[in-house]
Amino acid sequence: IMKDPFTPDKDKFLIAGSHCSLCTRAVCVGADCNLFYSKRFCLPCVKDNLKVFPLEIQEDMDERKPQQK
C-alpha cells in the first residue's frame, strides 16, 4: 500500500507554493498570494510591474481589488 503524498502526517503539513520569479519571495498557490502567468509572481511584484503584463492580466488584477482586504 502506498501512502498518499497529499495526506499530511499527524505532526506535519503540506504547503503548496513556489517562489516569485522576480523577487524570489515564497508564495502560496492561493489567488490572494500570487499570479501565474507563464511563471509565478507574488502580488506585490505584479502590482509594481502591472504595465508590463498583458491587458488581460491587468483587467484580472482590477477585478481582484474589491475582493482583497
PDB file of N, CA and C in Angstrom:
ATOM      1  N   ILE A   1       0.854  -1.179   0.000  1.00  0.00           N
ATOM      2  CA  ILE A   1       0.000   0.000   0.000  1.00  0.00           C
ATOM      3  C   ILE A   1       0.896   1.236   0.000  1.00  0.00           C
ATOM      4  N   MET A   2       0.588   2.142  -0.901  1.00  0.00           N
ATOM      5  CA  MET A   2       1.355   3.389  -0.970  1.00  0.00           C
ATOM      6  C   MET A   2       0.650   4.484  -0.180  1.00  0.00           C
ATOM      7  N   LYS A   3       1.438   5.309   0.448  1.00  0.00           N
ATOM      8  CA  LYS A   3       0.900   6.441   1.201  1.00  0.00           C
ATOM      9  C   LYS A   3       0.565   7.576   0.230  1.00  0.00           C
ATOM     10  N   ASP A   4      -0.575   8.202   0.426  1.00  0.00           N
ATOM     11  CA  ASP A   4      -0.972   9.356  -0.385  1.00  0.00           C
ATOM     12  C   ASP A   4      -0.056  10.528  -0.048  1.00  0.00           C
ATOM     13  N   PRO A   5       0.701  11.064  -1.024  1.00  0.00           N
ATOM     14  CA  PRO A   5       1.636  12.157  -0.722  1.00  0.00           C
ATOM     15  C   PRO A   5       0.947  13.472  -0.354  1.00  0.00           C
ATOM     16  N   PHE A   6      -0.351  13.585  -0.613  1.00  0.00           N
ATOM     17  CA  PHE A   6      -1.075  14.813  -0.309  1.00  0.00           C
ATOM     18  C   PHE A   6      -1.827  14.746   1.013  1.00  0.00           C
ATOM     19  N   THR A   7      -1.714  13.632   1.711  1.00  0.00           N
ATOM     20  CA  THR A   7      -2.302  13.497   3.031  1.00  0.00           C
ATOM     21  C   THR A   7      -1.209  13.758   4.056  1.00  0.00           C
ATOM     22  N   PRO A   8      -1.356  14.805   4.854  1.00  0.00           N
ATOM     23  CA  PRO A   8      -0.288  15.149   5.801  1.00  0.00           C
ATOM     24  C   PRO A   8      -0.183  14.149   6.946  1.00  0.00           C
ATOM     25  N   ASP A   9       1.027  13.981   7.465  1.00  0.00           N
ATOM     26  CA  ASP A   9       1.220  13.205   8.680  1.00  0.00           C
ATOM     27  C   ASP A   9       0.584  13.979   9.827  1.00  0.00           C
ATOM     28  N   LYS A  10       0.413  13.307  10.972  1.00  0.00           N
ATOM     29  CA  LYS A  10      -0.227  13.975  12.109  1.00  0.00           C
ATOM     30  C   LYS A  10       0.502  15.248  12.521  1.00  0.00           C
ATOM     31  N   ASP A  11       1.823  15.191  12.598  1.00  0.00           N
ATOM     32  CA  ASP A  11       2.594  16.331  13.086  1.00  0.00           C
ATOM     33  C   ASP A  11       3.195  17.172  11.968  1.00  0.00           C
ATOM     34  N   LYS A  12       2.868  16.848  10.732  1.00  0.00           N
ATOM     35  CA  LYS A  12       3.429  17.576   9.597  1.00  0.00           C
ATOM     36  C   LYS A  12       2.292  18.074   8.714  1.00  0.00           C
ATOM     37  N   PHE A  13       2.582  19.060   7.888  1.00  0.00           N
ATOM     38  CA  PHE A  13       1.571  19.548   6.963  1.00  0.00           C
ATOM     39  C   PHE A  13       2.235  19.925   5.653  1.00  0.00           C
ATOM     40  N   LEU A  14       1.438  20.006   4.618  1.00  0.00           N
ATOM     41  CA  LEU A  14       1.919  20.296   3.279  1.00  0.00           C
ATOM     42  C   LEU A  14       1.462  21.696   2.876  1.00  0.00           C
ATOM     43  N   ILE A  15       2.387  22.519   2.418  1.00  0.00           N
ATOM     44  CA  ILE A  15       2.050  23.840   1.901  1.00  0.00           C
ATOM     45  C   ILE A  15       2.440  23.859   0.433  1.00  0.00           C
ATOM     46  N   ALA A  16       1.454  24.068  -0.423  1.00  0.00           N
ATOM     47  CA  ALA A  16       1.729  24.121  -1.859  1.00  0.00           C
ATOM     48  C   ALA A  16       2.044  25.557  -2.245  1.00  0.00           C
ATOM     49  N   GLY A  17       3.147  25.737  -2.919  1.00  0.00           N
ATOM     50  CA  GLY A  17       3.532  27.074  -3.331  1.00  0.00           C
ATOM     51  C   GLY A  17       4.784  27.055  -4.174  1.00  0.00           C
ATOM     52  N   SER A  18       5.359  28.209  -4.313  1.00  0.00           N
ATOM     53  CA  SER A  18       6.552  28.356  -5.134  1.00  0.00           C
ATOM     54  C   SER A  18       7.248  29.650  -4.728  1.00  0.00           C
ATOM     55  N   HIS A  19       8.166  30.100  -5.564  1.00  0.00           N
ATOM     56  CA  HIS A  19       8.852  31.365  -5.337  1.00  0.00           C
ATOM     57  C   HIS A  19       8.518  32.328  -6.467  1.00  0.00           C
ATOM     58  N   CYS A  20       8.415  33.590  -6.126  1.00  0.00           N
ATOM     59  CA  CYS A  20       8.165  34.630  -7.120  1.00  0.00           C
ATOM     60  C   CYS A  20       9.325  34.656  -8.104  1.00  0.00           C
ATOM     61  N   SER A  21       9.012  34.734  -9.371  1.00  0.00           N
ATOM     62  CA  SER A  21      10.038  34.740 -10.417  1.00  0.00           C
ATOM     63  C   SER A  21      10.832  36.040 -10.458  1.00  0.00           C
ATOM     64  N   LEU A  22      10.329  37.085  -9.816  1.00  0.00           N
ATOM     65  CA  LEU A  22      11.052  38.361  -9.800  1.00  0.00           C
ATOM     66  C   LEU A  22      11.868  38.560  -8.523  1.00  0.00           C
ATOM     67  N   CYS A  23      11.222  38.434  -7.370  1.00  0.00           N
ATOM     68  CA  CYS A  23      11.909  38.749  -6.112  1.00  0.00           C
ATOM     69  C   CYS A  23      12.324  37.515  -5.318  1.00  0.00           C
ATOM     70  N   THR A  24      11.923  36.330  -5.762  1.00  0.00           N
ATOM     71  CA  THR A  24      12.202  35.028  -5.130  1.00  0.00           C
ATOM     72  C   THR A  24      11.516  34.842  -3.777  1.00  0.00           C
ATOM     73  N   ARG A  25      10.575  35.714  -3.424  1.00  0.00           N
ATOM     74  CA  ARG A  25       9.804  35.563  -2.190  1.00  0.00           C
ATOM     75  C   ARG A  25       8.954  34.295  -2.290  1.00  0.00           C
ATOM     76  N   ALA A  26       8.823  33.564  -1.182  1.00  0.00           N
ATOM     77  CA  ALA A  26       7.975  32.378  -1.150  1.00  0.00           C
ATOM     78  C   ALA A  26       6.513  32.807  -1.182  1.00  0.00           C
ATOM     79  N   VAL A  27       5.721  32.167  -2.037  1.00  0.00           N
ATOM     80  CA  VAL A  27       4.297  32.475  -2.145  1.00  0.00           C
ATOM     81  C   VAL A  27       3.492  31.185  -2.165  1.00  0.00           C
ATOM     82  N   CYS A  28       2.294  31.228  -1.573  1.00  0.00           N
ATOM     83  CA  CYS A  28       1.397  30.082  -1.641  1.00  0.00           C
ATOM     84  C   CYS A  28       0.705  30.092  -3.005  1.00  0.00           C
ATOM     85  N   VAL A  29      -0.044  29.037  -3.299  1.00  0.00           N
ATOM     86  CA  VAL A  29      -0.704  28.983  -4.607  1.00  0.00           C
ATOM     87  C   VAL A  29      -2.076  29.645  -4.605  1.00  0.00           C
ATOM     88  N   GLY A  30      -2.502  30.202  -3.489  1.00  0.00           N
ATOM     89  CA  GLY A  30      -3.796  30.871  -3.416  1.00  0.00           C
ATOM     90  C   GLY A  30      -3.841  32.124  -4.272  1.00  0.00           C
ATOM     91  N   ALA A  31      -5.014  32.416  -4.818  1.00  0.00           N
ATOM     92  CA  ALA A  31      -5.176  33.586  -5.695  1.00  0.00           C
ATOM     93  C   ALA A  31      -4.921  34.897  -4.958  1.00  0.00           C
ATOM     94  N   ASP A  32      -5.018  34.885  -3.629  1.00  0.00           N
ATOM     95  CA  ASP A  32      -4.749  36.105  -2.873  1.00  0.00           C
ATOM     96  C   ASP A  32      -3.263  36.272  -2.556  1.00  0.00           C
ATOM     97  N   CYS A  33      -2.439  35.326  -3.003  1.00  0.00           N
ATOM     98  CA  CYS A  33      -0.987  35.384  -2.750  1.00  0.00           C
ATOM     99  C   CYS A  33      -0.168  35.619  -4.013  1.00  0.00           C
ATOM    100  N   ASN A  34      -0.643  35.127  -5.136  1.00  0.00           N
ATOM    101  CA  ASN A  34       0.195  35.141  -6.323  1.00  0.00           C
ATOM    102  C   ASN A  34      -0.619  35.170  -7.599  1.00  0.00           C
ATOM    103  N   LEU A  35       0.101  35.302  -8.696  1.00  0.00           N
ATOM    104  CA  LEU A  35      -0.482  35.243 -10.036  1.00  0.00           C
ATOM    105  C   LEU A  35       0.424  34.347 -10.867  1.00  0.00           C
ATOM    106  N   PHE A  36      -0.181  33.441 -11.617  1.00  0.00           N
ATOM    107  CA  PHE A  36       0.622  32.605 -12.508  1.00  0.00           C
ATOM    108  C   PHE A  36       0.380  33.054 -13.936  1.00  0.00           C
ATOM    109  N   TYR A  37       1.431  33.511 -14.581  1.00  0.00           N
ATOM    110  CA  TYR A  37       1.385  33.878 -15.996  1.00  0.00           C
ATOM    111  C   TYR A  37       2.705  33.422 -16.601  1.00  0.00           C
ATOM    112  N   SER A  38       2.748  32.214 -17.073  1.00  0.00           N
ATOM    113  CA  SER A  38       3.923  31.512 -17.586  1.00  0.00           C
ATOM    114  C   SER A  38       4.970  31.280 -16.504  1.00  0.00           C
ATOM    115  N   LYS A  39       4.989  32.106 -15.486  1.00  0.00           N
ATOM    116  CA  LYS A  39       5.804  31.939 -14.286  1.00  0.00           C
ATOM    117  C   LYS A  39       4.970  32.446 -13.119  1.00  0.00           C
ATOM    118  N   ARG A  40       5.400  32.131 -11.903  1.00  0.00           N
ATOM    119  CA  ARG A  40       4.660  32.573 -10.722  1.00  0.00           C
ATOM    120  C   ARG A  40       5.225  33.894 -10.210  1.00  0.00           C
ATOM    121  N   PHE A  41       4.310  34.821  -9.869  1.00  0.00           N
ATOM    122  CA  PHE A  41       4.696  36.137  -9.367  1.00  0.00           C
ATOM    123  C   PHE A  41       3.912  36.443  -8.098  1.00  0.00           C
ATOM    124  N   CYS A  42       4.565  37.040  -7.111  1.00  0.00           N
ATOM    125  CA  CYS A  42       3.840  37.486  -5.920  1.00  0.00           C
ATOM    126  C   CYS A  42       3.033  38.730  -6.312  1.00  0.00           C
ATOM    127  N   LEU A  43       1.944  38.977  -5.606  1.00  0.00           N
ATOM    128  CA  LEU A  43       1.084  40.108  -5.962  1.00  0.00           C
ATOM    129  C   LEU A  43       1.774  41.463  -5.833  1.00  0.00           C
ATOM    130  N   PRO A  44       2.645  41.677  -4.834  1.00  0.00           N
ATOM    131  CA  PRO A  44       3.350  42.969  -4.815  1.00  0.00           C
ATOM    132  C   PRO A  44       4.181  43.208  -6.082  1.00  0.00           C
ATOM    133  N   CYS A  45       4.843  42.179  -6.601  1.00  0.00           N
ATOM    134  CA  CYS A  45       5.621  42.342  -7.835  1.00  0.00           C
ATOM    135  C   CYS A  45       4.709  42.574  -9.038  1.00  0.00           C
ATOM    136  N   VAL A  46       3.553  41.900  -9.050  1.00  0.00           N
ATOM    137  CA  VAL A  46       2.603  42.111 -10.145  1.00  0.00           C
ATOM    138  C   VAL A  46       2.129  43.559 -10.128  1.00  0.00           C
ATOM    139  N   LYS A  47       1.772  44.054  -8.941  1.00  0.00           N
ATOM    140  CA  LYS A  47       1.284  45.433  -8.831  1.00  0.00           C
ATOM    141  C   LYS A  47       2.356  46.439  -9.223  1.00  0.00           C
ATOM    142  N   ASP A  48       3.596  46.183  -8.816  1.00  0.00           N
ATOM    143  CA  ASP A  48       4.699  47.098  -9.143  1.00  0.00           C
ATOM    144  C   ASP A  48       5.043  47.100 -10.627  1.00  0.00           C
ATOM    145  N   ASN A  49       4.725  46.008 -11.324  1.00  0.00           N
ATOM    146  CA  ASN A  49       5.094  45.859 -12.737  1.00  0.00           C
ATOM    147  C   ASN A  49       3.881  45.623 -13.625  1.00  0.00           C
ATOM    148  N   LEU A  50       2.715  46.060 -13.182  1.00  0.00           N
ATOM    149  CA  LEU A  50       1.463  45.750 -13.866  1.00  0.00           C
ATOM    150  C   LEU A  50       1.459  46.154 -15.338  1.00  0.00           C
ATOM    151  N   LYS A  51       2.070  47.251 -15.674  1.00  0.00           N
ATOM    152  CA  LYS A  51       2.027  47.750 -17.054  1.00  0.00           C
ATOM    153  C   LYS A  51       2.780  46.860 -18.044  1.00  0.00           C
ATOM    154  N   VAL A  52       3.666  45.993 -17.567  1.00  0.00           N
ATOM    155  CA  VAL A  52       4.392  45.099 -18.480  1.00  0.00           C
ATOM    156  C   VAL A  52       3.640  43.791 -18.723  1.00  0.00           C
ATOM    157  N   PHE A  53       2.551  43.568 -17.962  1.00  0.00           N
ATOM    158  CA  PHE A  53       1.729  42.385 -18.170  1.00  0.00           C
ATOM    159  C   PHE A  53       0.692  42.668 -19.253  1.00  0.00           C
ATOM    160  N   PRO A  54       0.197  41.630 -19.923  1.00  0.00           N
ATOM    161  CA  PRO A  54      -0.838  41.823 -20.948  1.00  0.00           C
ATOM    162  C   PRO A  54      -2.109  42.447 -20.363  1.00  0.00           C
ATOM    163  N   LEU A  55      -2.880  43.060 -21.212  1.00  0.00           N
ATOM    164  CA  LEU A  55      -4.118  43.725 -20.801  1.00  0.00           C
ATOM    165  C   LEU A  55      -5.035  42.776 -20.035  1.00  0.00           C
ATOM    166  N   GLU A  56      -5.102  41.529 -20.459  1.00  0.00           N
ATOM    167  CA  GLU A  56      -5.950  40.539 -19.792  1.00  0.00           C
ATOM    168  C   GLU A  56      -5.557  40.389 -18.314  1.00  0.00           C
ATOM    169  N   ILE A  57      -4.278  40.367 -18.029  1.00  0.00           N
ATOM    170  CA  ILE A  57      -3.797  40.255 -16.650  1.00  0.00           C
ATOM    171  C   ILE A  57      -4.104  41.540 -15.885  1.00  0.00           C
ATOM    172  N   GLN A  58      -3.929  42.680 -16.525  1.00  0.00           N
ATOM    173  CA  GLN A  58      -4.240  43.962 -15.883  1.00  0.00           C
ATOM    174  C   GLN A  58      -5.714  44.017 -15.495  1.00  0.00           C
ATOM    175  N   GLU A  59      -6.585  43.546 -16.379  1.00  0.00           N
ATOM    176  CA  GLU A  59      -8.020  43.528 -16.087  1.00  0.00           C
ATOM    177  C   GLU A  59      -8.329  42.563 -14.953  1.00  0.00           C
ATOM    178  N   ASP A  60      -7.658  41.413 -14.947  1.00  0.00           N
ATOM    179  CA  ASP A  60      -7.847  40.435 -13.878  1.00  0.00           C
ATOM    180  C   ASP A  60      -7.457  41.035 -12.527  1.00  0.00           C
ATOM    181  N   MET A  61      -6.381  41.783 -12.492  1.00  0.00           N
ATOM    182  CA  MET A  61      -5.951  42.422 -11.247  1.00  0.00           C
ATOM    183  C   MET A  61      -6.948  43.492 -10.810  1.00  0.00           C
ATOM    184  N   ASP A  62      -7.534  44.219 -11.766  1.00  0.00           N
ATOM    185  CA  ASP A  62      -8.560  45.216 -11.433  1.00  0.00           C
ATOM    186  C   ASP A  62      -9.780  44.549 -10.805  1.00  0.00           C
ATOM    187  N   GLU A  63     -10.139  43.359 -11.302  1.00  0.00           N
ATOM    188  CA  GLU A  63     -11.285  42.627 -10.762  1.00  0.00           C
ATOM    189  C   GLU A  63     -10.997  42.091  -9.364  1.00  0.00           C
ATOM    190  N   ARG A  64      -9.760  41.786  -9.069  1.00  0.00           N
ATOM    191  CA  ARG A  64      -9.390  41.249  -7.755  1.00  0.00           C
ATOM    192  C   ARG A  64      -9.430  42.313  -6.664  1.00  0.00           C
ATOM    193  N   LYS A  65      -9.227  43.573  -6.992  1.00  0.00           N
ATOM    194  CA  LYS A  65      -9.112  44.639  -5.984  1.00  0.00           C
ATOM    195  C   LYS A  65     -10.277  44.672  -4.995  1.00  0.00           C
ATOM    196  N   PRO A  66     -11.551  44.624  -5.438  1.00  0.00           N
ATOM    197  CA  PRO A  66     -12.647  44.677  -4.464  1.00  0.00           C
ATOM    198  C   PRO A  66     -12.668  43.475  -3.529  1.00  0.00           C
ATOM    199  N   GLN A  67     -12.118  42.334  -3.963  1.00  0.00           N
ATOM    200  CA  GLN A  67     -12.139  41.126  -3.153  1.00  0.00           C
ATOM    201  C   GLN A  67     -11.068  41.145  -2.076  1.00  0.00           C
ATOM    202  N   GLN A  68      -9.994  41.904  -2.295  1.00  0.00           N
ATOM    203  CA  GLN A  68      -8.901  41.934  -1.333  1.00  0.00           C
ATOM    204  C   GLN A  68      -9.246  42.843  -0.172  1.00  0.00           C
ATOM    205  N   LYS A  69      -8.710  42.519   1.014  1.00  0.00           N
ATOM    206  CA  LYS A  69      -8.970  43.311   2.226  1.00  0.00           C
ATOM    207  C   LYS A  69      -8.040  44.492   2.294  1.00  0.00           C
TER     208      LYS A  69
END
